[in-house]
Amino acid sequence: MRPSFNGDCLVNLMASIETACGFDPGGTRTLYPPLQALSAEELGERPRTVLFVIDGLGFNRLQRLGSERGLKEHLRGSLRSVFPSTTATAVTSIFTGTGPL
């Protein structure tokens, strides 16, 4: 599945985090729109943002977890990965806030 970069992708999550932290490279804000499921405004209201990256843990697996695991109760929706959806490509997009292209 190819990413859309229009609000449901990993780079959109990074755009929400960047905006919430006040990142504004040359007055252009971010390259991508914020994540639809988690806005920059909502993140900005929090005193801290912690990003956990768990390689290989997919949405379907999270949905099968029991609620006692703690993660499922905070689940808001699914994210698309970048393309190609490899760990090296995804981690690079997390660090840079940009898609692989």
C-alpha atoms as a PDB file:
ATOM      1  CA  MET A   1       0.000   0.000   0.000  1.00  0.00           C
ATOM      2  CA  ARG A   2       1.432   3.347  -1.018  1.00  0.00           C
ATOM      3  CA  PRO A   3       1.237   6.329   1.347  1.00  0.00           C
ATOM      4  CA  SER A   4      -1.003   9.258   0.608  1.00  0.00           C
ATOM      5  CA  PHE A   5       0.797  11.993   2.629  1.00  0.00           C
ATOM      6  CA  ASN A   6      -2.601  13.724   2.902  1.00  0.00           C
ATOM      7  CA  GLY A   7      -3.300  13.251   6.591  1.00  0.00           C
ATOM      8  CA  ASP A   8      -2.967   9.575   7.499  1.00  0.00           C
ATOM      9  CA  CYS A   9       0.735   8.872   6.998  1.00  0.00           C
ATOM     10  CA  LEU A  10       3.815   8.781   9.201  1.00  0.00           C
ATOM     11  CA  VAL A  11       5.056  12.091   7.757  1.00  0.00           C
ATOM     12  CA  ASN A  12       1.727  13.691   8.732  1.00  0.00           C
ATOM     13  CA  LEU A  13       2.336  12.607  12.326  1.00  0.00           C
ATOM     14  CA  MET A  14       5.753  14.226  12.166  1.00  0.00           C
ATOM     15  CA  ALA A  15       4.151  17.413  10.749  1.00  0.00           C
ATOM     16  CA  SER A  16       1.783  17.525  13.732  1.00  0.00           C
ATOM     17  CA  ILE A  17       4.695  17.107  16.152  1.00  0.00           C
ATOM     18  CA  GLU A  18       6.834  19.706  14.352  1.00  0.00           C
ATOM     19  CA  THR A  19       4.044  22.277  14.381  1.00  0.00           C
ATOM     20  CA  ALA A  20       3.202  21.595  18.039  1.00  0.00           C
ATOM     21  CA  CYS A  21       6.856  22.194  18.923  1.00  0.00           C
ATOM     22  CA  GLY A  22       6.950  25.475  16.995  1.00  0.00           C
ATOM     23  CA  PHE A  23       9.147  24.274  14.151  1.00  0.00           C
ATOM     24  CA  ASP A  24       8.923  26.759  11.278  1.00  0.00           C
ATOM     25  CA  PRO A  25      11.710  26.378   8.688  1.00  0.00           C
ATOM     26  CA  GLY A  26      11.894  29.715   6.906  1.00  0.00           C
ATOM     27  CA  GLY A  27       8.265  30.558   7.565  1.00  0.00           C
ATOM     28  CA  THR A  28       6.916  27.652   5.531  1.00  0.00           C
ATOM     29  CA  ARG A  29       5.610  25.574   8.481  1.00  0.00           C
ATOM     30  CA  THR A  30       5.954  21.923   7.474  1.00  0.00           C
ATOM     31  CA  LEU A  31       6.027  20.211   4.114  1.00  0.00           C
ATOM     32  CA  TYR A  32       2.980  18.067   4.858  1.00  0.00           C
ATOM     33  CA  PRO A  33      -0.458  18.602   6.401  1.00  0.00           C
ATOM     34  CA  PRO A  34      -0.894  17.523  10.030  1.00  0.00           C
ATOM     35  CA  LEU A  35      -2.194  14.109  10.995  1.00  0.00           C
ATOM     36  CA  GLN A  36      -5.987  14.003  10.823  1.00  0.00           C
ATOM     37  CA  ALA A  37      -6.319  11.839  13.949  1.00  0.00           C
ATOM     38  CA  LEU A  38      -4.041  14.024  16.110  1.00  0.00           C
ATOM     39  CA  SER A  39      -3.777  17.736  15.459  1.00  0.00           C
ATOM     40  CA  ALA A  40      -0.841  19.962  16.269  1.00  0.00           C
ATOM     41  CA  GLU A  41      -3.115  22.052  18.483  1.00  0.00           C
ATOM     42  CA  GLU A  42      -4.009  19.043  20.602  1.00  0.00           C
ATOM     43  CA  LEU A  43      -0.354  18.070  20.902  1.00  0.00           C
ATOM     44  CA  GLY A  44       0.565  21.647  21.773  1.00  0.00           C
ATOM     45  CA  GLU A  45      -1.771  21.547  24.774  1.00  0.00           C
ATOM     46  CA  ARG A  46       0.314  18.764  26.307  1.00  0.00           C
ATOM     47  CA  PRO A  47       3.394  19.515  28.404  1.00  0.00           C
ATOM     48  CA  ARG A  48       5.373  16.719  26.696  1.00  0.00           C
ATOM     49  CA  THR A  49       5.272  14.574  23.610  1.00  0.00           C
ATOM     50  CA  VAL A  50       6.865  11.145  23.625  1.00  0.00           C
ATOM     51  CA  LEU A  51       7.125   9.154  20.410  1.00  0.00           C
ATOM     52  CA  PHE A  52       7.565   5.405  20.743  1.00  0.00           C
ATOM     53  CA  VAL A  53       8.587   3.598  17.579  1.00  0.00           C
ATOM     54  CA  ILE A  54       7.985  -0.133  17.762  1.00  0.00           C
ATOM     55  CA  ASP A  55       9.227  -1.773  14.580  1.00  0.00           C
ATOM     56  CA  GLY A  56       6.820  -4.323  13.125  1.00  0.00           C
ATOM     57  CA  LEU A  57       3.911  -3.583  15.475  1.00  0.00           C
ATOM     58  CA  GLY A  58       0.966  -3.116  13.149  1.00  0.00           C
ATOM     59  CA  PHE A  59      -2.540  -1.768  13.609  1.00  0.00           C
ATOM     60  CA  ASN A  60      -4.154  -5.208  13.395  1.00  0.00           C
ATOM     61  CA  ARG A  61      -1.879  -6.532  16.125  1.00  0.00           C
ATOM     62  CA  LEU A  62      -2.712  -3.577  18.374  1.00  0.00           C
ATOM     63  CA  GLN A  63      -6.417  -4.191  17.920  1.00  0.00           C
ATOM     64  CA  ARG A  64      -5.989  -7.812  19.054  1.00  0.00           C
ATOM     65  CA  LEU A  65      -4.265  -6.787  22.288  1.00  0.00           C
ATOM     66  CA  GLY A  66      -6.271  -6.943  25.465  1.00  0.00           C
ATOM     67  CA  SER A  67      -7.115  -3.641  27.097  1.00  0.00           C
ATOM     68  CA  GLU A  68      -4.884  -4.520  30.065  1.00  0.00           C
ATOM     69  CA  ARG A  69      -1.863  -3.876  27.830  1.00  0.00           C
ATOM     70  CA  GLY A  70      -2.403  -0.113  27.997  1.00  0.00           C
ATOM     71  CA  LEU A  71      -1.741   0.632  24.342  1.00  0.00           C
ATOM     72  CA  LYS A  72      -5.124  -0.296  22.928  1.00  0.00           C
ATOM     73  CA  GLU A  73      -7.067   2.163  25.066  1.00  0.00           C
ATOM     74  CA  HIS A  74      -5.092   5.070  23.569  1.00  0.00           C
ATOM     75  CA  LEU A  75      -5.405   3.884  19.978  1.00  0.00           C
ATOM     76  CA  ARG A  76      -6.872   6.580  17.705  1.00  0.00           C
ATOM     77  CA  GLY A  77      -6.518   5.029  14.295  1.00  0.00           C
ATOM     78  CA  SER A  78      -4.024   3.621  11.865  1.00  0.00           C
ATOM     79  CA  LEU A  79      -1.108   5.249  10.056  1.00  0.00           C
ATOM     80  CA  ARG A  80       0.252   4.461   6.653  1.00  0.00           C
ATOM     81  CA  SER A  81       3.961   4.012   6.413  1.00  0.00           C
ATOM     82  CA  VAL A  82       6.180   5.688   3.861  1.00  0.00           C
ATOM     83  CA  PHE A  83       7.111   3.960   0.610  1.00  0.00           C
ATOM     84  CA  PRO A  84       9.061   1.798   0.489  1.00  0.00           C
ATOM     85  CA  SER A  85       7.843   0.634   3.880  1.00  0.00           C
ATOM     86  CA  THR A  86      11.198  -0.463   5.252  1.00  0.00           C
ATOM     87  CA  THR A  87      12.533   0.336   8.708  1.00  0.00           C
ATOM     88  CA  ALA A  88      15.421   2.396   7.323  1.00  0.00           C
ATOM     89  CA  THR A  89      13.120   4.520   5.176  1.00  0.00           C
ATOM     90  CA  ALA A  90      10.523   5.029   7.922  1.00  0.00           C
ATOM     91  CA  VAL A  91      13.100   5.962  10.574  1.00  0.00           C
ATOM     92  CA  THR A  92      14.710   8.441   8.194  1.00  0.00           C
ATOM     93  CA  SER A  93      11.295  10.044   7.620  1.00  0.00           C
ATOM     94  CA  ILE A  94      10.772  10.234  11.390  1.00  0.00           C
ATOM     95  CA  PHE A  95      14.128  11.960  11.893  1.00  0.00           C
ATOM     96  CA  THR A  96      13.744  14.405   9.000  1.00  0.00           C
ATOM     97  CA  GLY A  97       9.965  14.906   8.906  1.00  0.00           C
ATOM     98  CA  THR A  98       9.981  14.373   5.142  1.00  0.00           C
ATOM     99  CA  GLY A  99       8.949  11.588   2.813  1.00  0.00           C
ATOM    100  CA  PRO A 100      11.571   9.415   1.126  1.00  0.00           C
ATOM    101  CA  LEU A 101      11.340  11.274  -2.154  1.00  0.00           C
END
